[in-house]
PDB file of N, CA and C in Angstrom:
ATOM      1  N   MET A   1      74.345 234.213  -3.891  1.00  0.00           N
ATOM      2  CA  MET A   1      75.041 233.305  -2.936  1.00  0.00           C
ATOM      3  C   MET A   1      74.246 231.948  -3.675  1.00  0.00           C
ATOM      4  N   GLY A   2      75.392 230.893  -3.612  1.00  0.00           N
ATOM      5  CA  GLY A   2      74.481 229.526  -4.385  1.00  0.00           C
ATOM      6  C   GLY A   2      74.332 229.004  -3.233  1.00  0.00           C
ATOM      7  N   ARG A   3      73.556 228.012  -3.675  1.00  0.00           N
ATOM      8  CA  ARG A   3      73.169 226.986  -2.706  1.00  0.00           C
ATOM      9  C   ARG A   3      73.532 225.150  -3.418  1.00  0.00           C
ATOM     10  N   VAL A   4      73.986 224.845  -2.301  1.00  0.00           N
ATOM     11  CA  VAL A   4      74.153 223.403  -2.227  1.00  0.00           C
ATOM     12  C   VAL A   4      73.466 222.009  -1.808  1.00  0.00           C
ATOM     13  N   LEU A   5      73.047 221.268  -2.428  1.00  0.00           N
ATOM     14  CA  LEU A   5      72.075 219.934  -2.065  1.00  0.00           C
ATOM     15  C   LEU A   5      72.898 218.877  -1.093  1.00  0.00           C
ATOM     16  N   PRO A   6      72.620 218.818  -0.117  1.00  0.00           N
ATOM     17  CA  PRO A   6      73.854 217.785   0.574  1.00  0.00           C
ATOM     18  C   PRO A   6      74.223 216.675   0.319  1.00  0.00           C
ATOM     19  N   ASP A   7      74.280 215.706   0.425  1.00  0.00           N
ATOM     20  CA  ASP A   7      74.875 214.672   0.377  1.00  0.00           C
ATOM     21  C   ASP A   7      73.505 213.510   0.037  1.00  0.00           C
ATOM     22  N   ALA A   8      72.737 213.727  -0.863  1.00  0.00           N
ATOM     23  CA  ALA A   8      71.423 213.372  -0.938  1.00  0.00           C
ATOM     24  C   ALA A   8      71.416 211.791  -1.410  1.00  0.00           C
ATOM     25  N   ASP A   9      72.363 211.444  -1.964  1.00  0.00           N
ATOM     26  CA  ASP A   9      72.479 209.903  -2.521  1.00  0.00           C
ATOM     27  C   ASP A   9      72.570 208.921  -0.873  1.00  0.00           C
ATOM     28  N   GLY A  10      72.806 209.598   0.078  1.00  0.00           N
ATOM     29  CA  GLY A  10      72.708 208.803   1.515  1.00  0.00           C
ATOM     30  C   GLY A  10      71.445 208.208   1.820  1.00  0.00           C
ATOM     31  N   LEU A  11      70.075 209.397   1.224  1.00  0.00           N
ATOM     32  CA  LEU A  11      68.864 208.642   1.733  1.00  0.00           C
ATOM     33  C   LEU A  11      68.363 207.681   1.285  1.00  0.00           C
ATOM     34  N   GLY A  12      69.036 206.988   0.426  1.00  0.00           N
ATOM     35  CA  GLY A  12      69.061 205.674  -0.112  1.00  0.00           C
ATOM     36  C   GLY A  12      68.611 204.524   1.025  1.00  0.00           C
ATOM     37  N   ALA A  13      69.263 204.555   2.038  1.00  0.00           N
ATOM     38  CA  ALA A  13      69.302 203.706   3.398  1.00  0.00           C
ATOM     39  C   ALA A  13      67.834 204.144   3.877  1.00  0.00           C
ATOM     40  N   VAL A  14      66.840 204.837   3.503  1.00  0.00           N
ATOM     41  CA  VAL A  14      65.915 205.002   4.032  1.00  0.00           C
ATOM     42  C   VAL A  14      65.085 203.906   3.245  1.00  0.00           C
ATOM     43  N   VAL A  15      65.243 203.230   2.360  1.00  0.00           N
ATOM     44  CA  VAL A  15      64.608 201.923   1.840  1.00  0.00           C
ATOM     45  C   VAL A  15      64.738 200.998   2.836  1.00  0.00           C
ATOM     46  N   ASP A  16      66.088 200.949   3.046  1.00  0.00           N
ATOM     47  CA  ASP A  16      66.402 199.418   3.699  1.00  0.00           C
ATOM     48  C   ASP A  16      65.658 199.958   5.465  1.00  0.00           C
ATOM     49  N   VAL A  17      65.480 200.869   5.807  1.00  0.00           N
ATOM     50  CA  VAL A  17      64.953 200.970   7.271  1.00  0.00           C
ATOM     51  C   VAL A  17      63.875 200.864   6.961  1.00  0.00           C
ATOM     52  N   LEU A  18      63.050 201.097   5.681  1.00  0.00           N
ATOM     53  CA  LEU A  18      61.635 201.193   5.791  1.00  0.00           C
ATOM     54  C   LEU A  18      61.093 199.368   5.495  1.00  0.00           C
ATOM     55  N   ALA A  19      61.890 198.597   4.871  1.00  0.00           N
ATOM     56  CA  ALA A  19      61.688 197.488   4.445  1.00  0.00           C
ATOM     57  C   ALA A  19      61.905 196.239   5.851  1.00  0.00           C
ATOM     58  N   ALA A  20      63.105 196.901   6.552  1.00  0.00           N
ATOM     59  CA  ALA A  20      63.241 196.365   8.077  1.00  0.00           C
ATOM     60  C   ALA A  20      61.909 196.628   9.063  1.00  0.00           C
ATOM     61  N   LEU A  21      61.518 197.800   8.797  1.00  0.00           N
ATOM     62  CA  LEU A  21      60.159 198.155   9.576  1.00  0.00           C
ATOM     63  C   LEU A  21      59.167 196.897   9.191  1.00  0.00           C
ATOM     64  N   VAL A  22      58.866 197.093   7.609  1.00  0.00           N
ATOM     65  CA  VAL A  22      57.699 196.311   7.414  1.00  0.00           C
ATOM     66  C   VAL A  22      57.849 194.395   7.496  1.00  0.00           C
ATOM     67  N   SER A  23      59.275 194.018   7.466  1.00  0.00           N
ATOM     68  CA  SER A  23      59.467 192.680   7.457  1.00  0.00           C
ATOM     69  C   SER A  23      59.610 192.164   9.306  1.00  0.00           C
ATOM     70  N   GLY A  24      59.816 193.641  10.013  1.00  0.00           N
ATOM     71  CA  GLY A  24      60.338 193.030  11.190  1.00  0.00           C
ATOM     72  C   GLY A  24      61.690 192.470  11.051  1.00  0.00           C
ATOM     73  N   LYS A  25      62.238 192.362  10.343  1.00  0.00           N
ATOM     74  CA  LYS A  25      63.830 191.566  10.181  1.00  0.00           C
ATOM     75  C   LYS A  25      64.677 192.598  10.836  1.00  0.00           C
ATOM     76  N   GLU A  26      65.912 192.340  10.975  1.00  0.00           N
ATOM     77  CA  GLU A  26      66.775 193.469  11.207  1.00  0.00           C
ATOM     78  C   GLU A  26      67.557 194.149  10.240  1.00  0.00           C
ATOM     79  N   CYS A  27      67.923 195.684  10.412  1.00  0.00           N
ATOM     80  CA  CYS A  27      68.061 196.335   9.197  1.00  0.00           C
ATOM     81  C   CYS A  27      69.763 196.055   9.065  1.00  0.00           C
ATOM     82  N   THR A  28      69.828 195.712   7.903  1.00  0.00           N
ATOM     83  CA  THR A  28      71.180 195.405   7.427  1.00  0.00           C
ATOM     84  C   THR A  28      71.889 196.281   6.357  1.00  0.00           C
ATOM     85  N   PHE A  29      71.024 197.403   5.810  1.00  0.00           N
ATOM     86  CA  PHE A  29      71.613 197.793   5.005  1.00  0.00           C
ATOM     87  C   PHE A  29      71.957 197.337   3.637  1.00  0.00           C
ATOM     88  N   HIS A  30      71.363 195.851   3.162  1.00  0.00           N
ATOM     89  CA  HIS A  30      71.698 195.698   2.166  1.00  0.00           C
ATOM     90  C   HIS A  30      71.644 196.518   0.902  1.00  0.00           C
ATOM     91  N   TYR A  31      70.685 196.843   0.619  1.00  0.00           N
ATOM     92  CA  TYR A  31      70.407 197.663  -0.572  1.00  0.00           C
ATOM     93  C   TYR A  31      70.640 198.682  -0.784  1.00  0.00           C
ATOM     94  N   TYR A  32      71.112 199.734   0.276  1.00  0.00           N
ATOM     95  CA  TYR A  32      72.104 200.732   0.416  1.00  0.00           C
ATOM     96  C   TYR A  32      73.439 200.161   0.370  1.00  0.00           C
ATOM     97  N   GLN A  33      74.131 199.453   0.552  1.00  0.00           N
ATOM     98  CA  GLN A  33      75.380 198.854   0.403  1.00  0.00           C
ATOM     99  C   GLN A  33      75.267 198.637  -1.046  1.00  0.00           C
ATOM    100  N   GLN A  34      74.658 197.776  -1.666  1.00  0.00           N
ATOM    101  CA  GLN A  34      74.594 197.096  -2.803  1.00  0.00           C
ATOM    102  C   GLN A  34      74.565 198.080  -4.191  1.00  0.00           C
ATOM    103  N   TYR A  35      73.851 199.073  -3.856  1.00  0.00           N
ATOM    104  CA  TYR A  35      73.631 199.801  -5.195  1.00  0.00           C
ATOM    105  C   TYR A  35      73.468 201.083  -4.681  1.00  0.00           C
ATOM    106  N   HIS A  36      74.143 201.761  -3.679  1.00  0.00           N
ATOM    107  CA  HIS A  36      74.190 203.213  -3.461  1.00  0.00           C
ATOM    108  C   HIS A  36      75.657 203.750  -4.349  1.00  0.00           C
ATOM    109  N   HIS A  37      76.609 202.846  -4.456  1.00  0.00           N
ATOM    110  CA  HIS A  37      78.151 203.591  -5.476  1.00  0.00           C
ATOM    111  C   HIS A  37      77.521 202.623  -6.847  1.00  0.00           C
ATOM    112  N   LEU A  38      76.861 202.032  -6.631  1.00  0.00           N
ATOM    113  CA  LEU A  38      76.369 201.696  -8.321  1.00  0.00           C
ATOM    114  C   LEU A  38      75.945 202.671  -9.301  1.00  0.00           C
ATOM    115  N   LEU A  39      74.927 202.905  -8.547  1.00  0.00           N
ATOM    116  CA  LEU A  39      74.129 203.692  -9.412  1.00  0.00           C
ATOM    117  C   LEU A  39      74.300 205.496  -8.727  1.00  0.00           C
ATOM    118  N   LEU A  40      74.802 205.549  -7.610  1.00  0.00           N
ATOM    119  CA  LEU A  40      75.065 207.224  -7.674  1.00  0.00           C
ATOM    120  C   LEU A  40      76.887 207.682  -7.440  1.00  0.00           C
ATOM    121  N   HIS A  41      77.571 206.845  -7.775  1.00  0.00           N
ATOM    122  CA  HIS A  41      78.824 206.953  -7.832  1.00  0.00           C
ATOM    123  C   HIS A  41      79.785 207.149  -9.228  1.00  0.00           C
ATOM    124  N   GLY A  42      78.555 207.240 -10.209  1.00  0.00           N
ATOM    125  CA  GLY A  42      79.519 206.567 -11.701  1.00  0.00           C
ATOM    126  C   GLY A  42      79.208 207.689 -12.549  1.00  0.00           C
ATOM    127  N   TRP A  43      79.556 207.803 -13.485  1.00  0.00           N
ATOM    128  CA  TRP A  43      79.581 209.090 -14.596  1.00  0.00           C
ATOM    129  C   TRP A  43      78.301 209.393 -14.972  1.00  0.00           C
ATOM    130  N   PRO A  44      76.963 208.259 -14.751  1.00  0.00           N
ATOM    131  CA  PRO A  44      75.538 208.770 -15.189  1.00  0.00           C
ATOM    132  C   PRO A  44      75.182 209.629 -14.137  1.00  0.00           C
ATOM    133  N   ALA A  45      75.311 209.275 -13.048  1.00  0.00           N
ATOM    134  CA  ALA A  45      74.861 210.161 -11.693  1.00  0.00           C
ATOM    135  C   ALA A  45      75.318 211.509 -11.879  1.00  0.00           C
ATOM    136  N   ALA A  46      76.519 211.630 -12.456  1.00  0.00           N
ATOM    137  CA  ALA A  46      77.348 212.695 -12.288  1.00  0.00           C
ATOM    138  C   ALA A  46      76.812 213.900 -13.387  1.00  0.00           C
ATOM    139  N   ILE A  47      76.664 213.082 -14.520  1.00  0.00           N
ATOM    140  CA  ILE A  47      76.033 213.705 -15.816  1.00  0.00           C
ATOM    141  C   ILE A  47      74.607 214.111 -15.027  1.00  0.00           C
ATOM    142  N   ALA A  48      73.464 213.061 -14.711  1.00  0.00           N
ATOM    143  CA  ALA A  48      72.098 213.220 -14.329  1.00  0.00           C
ATOM    144  C   ALA A  48      71.896 214.405 -13.426  1.00  0.00           C
ATOM    145  N   VAL A  49      72.796 214.450 -12.414  1.00  0.00           N
ATOM    146  CA  VAL A  49      72.652 215.695 -11.593  1.00  0.00           C
ATOM    147  C   VAL A  49      73.369 216.980 -11.973  1.00  0.00           C
ATOM    148  N   SER A  50      74.093 217.085 -12.797  1.00  0.00           N
ATOM    149  CA  SER A  50      74.752 218.048 -13.133  1.00  0.00           C
ATOM    150  C   SER A  50      73.687 219.000 -14.312  1.00  0.00           C
ATOM    151  N   VAL A  51      73.177 217.844 -15.197  1.00  0.00           N
ATOM    152  CA  VAL A  51      72.159 218.527 -16.085  1.00  0.00           C
ATOM    153  C   VAL A  51      71.408 219.046 -15.382  1.00  0.00           C
ATOM    154  N   GLY A  52      70.955 218.585 -14.195  1.00  0.00           N
ATOM    155  CA  GLY A  52      69.435 218.741 -13.681  1.00  0.00           C
ATOM    156  C   GLY A  52      69.330 220.017 -12.902  1.00  0.00           C
ATOM    157  N   LEU A  53      70.595 220.237 -12.365  1.00  0.00           N
ATOM    158  CA  LEU A  53      71.171 221.392 -11.779  1.00  0.00           C
ATOM    159  C   LEU A  53      71.043 222.668 -12.750  1.00  0.00           C
ATOM    160  N   ALA A  54      71.690 222.228 -14.106  1.00  0.00           N
ATOM    161  CA  ALA A  54      71.615 222.899 -14.994  1.00  0.00           C
ATOM    162  C   ALA A  54      70.204 223.969 -15.370  1.00  0.00           C
ATOM    163  N   LEU A  55      69.139 222.851 -15.754  1.00  0.00           N
ATOM    164  CA  LEU A  55      68.557 223.365 -16.238  1.00  0.00           C
ATOM    165  C   LEU A  55      67.464 224.224 -15.422  1.00  0.00           C
ATOM    166  N   PHE A  56      68.163 224.269 -14.212  1.00  0.00           N
ATOM    167  CA  PHE A  56      67.288 225.397 -13.493  1.00  0.00           C
ATOM    168  C   PHE A  56      68.231 226.688 -13.014  1.00  0.00           C
ATOM    169  N   ALA A  57      69.250 226.401 -13.803  1.00  0.00           N
ATOM    170  CA  ALA A  57      70.242 227.613 -13.908  1.00  0.00           C
ATOM    171  C   ALA A  57      70.183 228.903 -14.819  1.00  0.00           C
ATOM    172  N   ARG A  58      70.384 230.172 -14.639  1.00  0.00           N
ATOM    173  CA  ARG A  58      70.477 231.216 -15.463  1.00  0.00           C
ATOM    174  C   ARG A  58      71.556 230.918 -16.280  1.00  0.00           C
ATOM    175  N   GLN A  59      73.075 230.627 -15.965  1.00  0.00           N
ATOM    176  CA  GLN A  59      74.281 230.576 -16.652  1.00  0.00           C
ATOM    177  C   GLN A  59      74.864 228.970 -16.636  1.00  0.00           C
ATOM    178  N   ARG A  60      73.740 228.242 -17.324  1.00  0.00           N
ATOM    179  CA  ARG A  60      73.524 226.692 -17.713  1.00  0.00           C
ATOM    180  C   ARG A  60      75.047 226.151 -17.615  1.00  0.00           C
ATOM    181  N   ARG A  61      75.734 226.660 -18.827  1.00  0.00           N
ATOM    182  CA  ARG A  61      76.821 226.057 -18.773  1.00  0.00           C
ATOM    183  C   ARG A  61      78.385 226.019 -17.879  1.00  0.00           C
ATOM    184  N   ARG A  62      77.946 227.187 -16.979  1.00  0.00           N
ATOM    185  CA  ARG A  62      78.605 227.215 -15.548  1.00  0.00           C
ATOM    186  C   ARG A  62      78.282 226.245 -14.750  1.00  0.00           C
ATOM    187  N   VAL A  63      77.394 226.431 -14.937  1.00  0.00           N
ATOM    188  CA  VAL A  63      76.562 225.303 -13.402  1.00  0.00           C
ATOM    189  C   VAL A  63      76.638 224.060 -13.865  1.00  0.00           C
ATOM    190  N   LEU A  64      76.464 223.407 -15.242  1.00  0.00           N
ATOM    191  CA  LEU A  64      76.831 222.254 -15.452  1.00  0.00           C
ATOM    192  C   LEU A  64      78.561 222.227 -15.233  1.00  0.00           C
ATOM    193  N   LEU A  65      79.355 222.788 -15.979  1.00  0.00           N
ATOM    194  CA  LEU A  65      80.580 222.414 -15.247  1.00  0.00           C
ATOM    195  C   LEU A  65      80.939 222.625 -13.790  1.00  0.00           C
ATOM    196  N   LEU A  66      80.384 223.689 -13.242  1.00  0.00           N
ATOM    197  CA  LEU A  66      80.649 223.626 -11.660  1.00  0.00           C
ATOM    198  C   LEU A  66      80.018 222.416 -10.910  1.00  0.00           C
ATOM    199  N   GLY A  67      79.091 221.787 -11.509  1.00  0.00           N
ATOM    200  CA  GLY A  67      78.439 220.902 -11.006  1.00  0.00           C
ATOM    201  C   GLY A  67      79.035 218.999 -11.238  1.00  0.00           C
ATOM    202  N   LEU A  68      79.563 219.069 -12.480  1.00  0.00           N
ATOM    203  CA  LEU A  68      80.343 218.010 -12.607  1.00  0.00           C
ATOM    204  C   LEU A  68      81.693 217.987 -11.524  1.00  0.00           C
ATOM    205  N   VAL A  69      82.403 219.149 -11.486  1.00  0.00           N
ATOM    206  CA  VAL A  69      83.696 219.442 -10.824  1.00  0.00           C
ATOM    207  C   VAL A  69      83.153 218.869  -9.300  1.00  0.00           C
ATOM    208  N   THR A  70      82.007 219.705  -8.699  1.00  0.00           N
ATOM    209  CA  THR A  70      81.322 219.402  -7.014  1.00  0.00           C
ATOM    210  C   THR A  70      81.117 217.858  -7.355  1.00  0.00           C
ATOM    211  N   PHE A  71      80.590 217.339  -8.002  1.00  0.00           N
ATOM    212  CA  PHE A  71      80.294 215.799  -7.675  1.00  0.00           C
ATOM    213  C   PHE A  71      81.291 214.938  -7.931  1.00  0.00           C
ATOM    214  N   HIS A  72      82.408 215.783  -8.758  1.00  0.00           N
ATOM    215  CA  HIS A  72      83.853 214.452  -8.327  1.00  0.00           C
ATOM    216  C   HIS A  72      84.559 215.037  -6.831  1.00  0.00           C
ATOM    217  N   LEU A  73      84.486 216.170  -6.305  1.00  0.00           N
ATOM    218  CA  LEU A  73      85.002 216.389  -5.028  1.00  0.00           C
ATOM    219  C   LEU A  73      84.367 215.782  -3.900  1.00  0.00           C
ATOM    220  N   HIS A  74      82.796 215.563  -4.314  1.00  0.00           N
ATOM    221  CA  HIS A  74      82.372 215.072  -3.609  1.00  0.00           C
ATOM    222  C   HIS A  74      82.622 213.044  -3.437  1.00  0.00           C
ATOM    223  N   LEU A  75      83.160 212.693  -4.492  1.00  0.00           N
ATOM    224  CA  LEU A  75      83.723 211.549  -4.870  1.00  0.00           C
ATOM    225  C   LEU A  75      85.217 211.508  -4.046  1.00  0.00           C
ATOM    226  N   LEU A  76      85.636 212.570  -4.321  1.00  0.00           N
ATOM    227  CA  LEU A  76      87.086 212.516  -3.024  1.00  0.00           C
ATOM    228  C   LEU A  76      87.097 212.582  -1.576  1.00  0.00           C
ATOM    229  N   GLY A  77      85.839 213.254  -0.962  1.00  0.00           N
ATOM    230  CA  GLY A  77      85.199 213.695   0.008  1.00  0.00           C
ATOM    231  C   GLY A  77      85.972 214.294   0.510  1.00  0.00           C
ATOM    232  N   ILE A  78      85.895 215.503  -0.239  1.00  0.00           N
ATOM    233  CA  ILE A  78      86.467 216.296  -0.083  1.00  0.00           C
ATOM    234  C   ILE A  78      85.181 217.512   0.023  1.00  0.00           C
TER     235      ILE A  78
END
């Protein structure tokens, strides 16, 4: 049975929360909104995630392909 990594790219909001705690200002999620889609919803991230998953797989080509498919389904919100 396969395992799926949850939507881990949302963890970028943690940086904003920590920055707000350190500065004492209100948390506006500026960095998350500014960089989330730029860095984690493009082809570089799709390739990096898929290759990263394939490195740990026995059937690397299959996992690479399914990783790309799954990444794009994530973008579609499916």
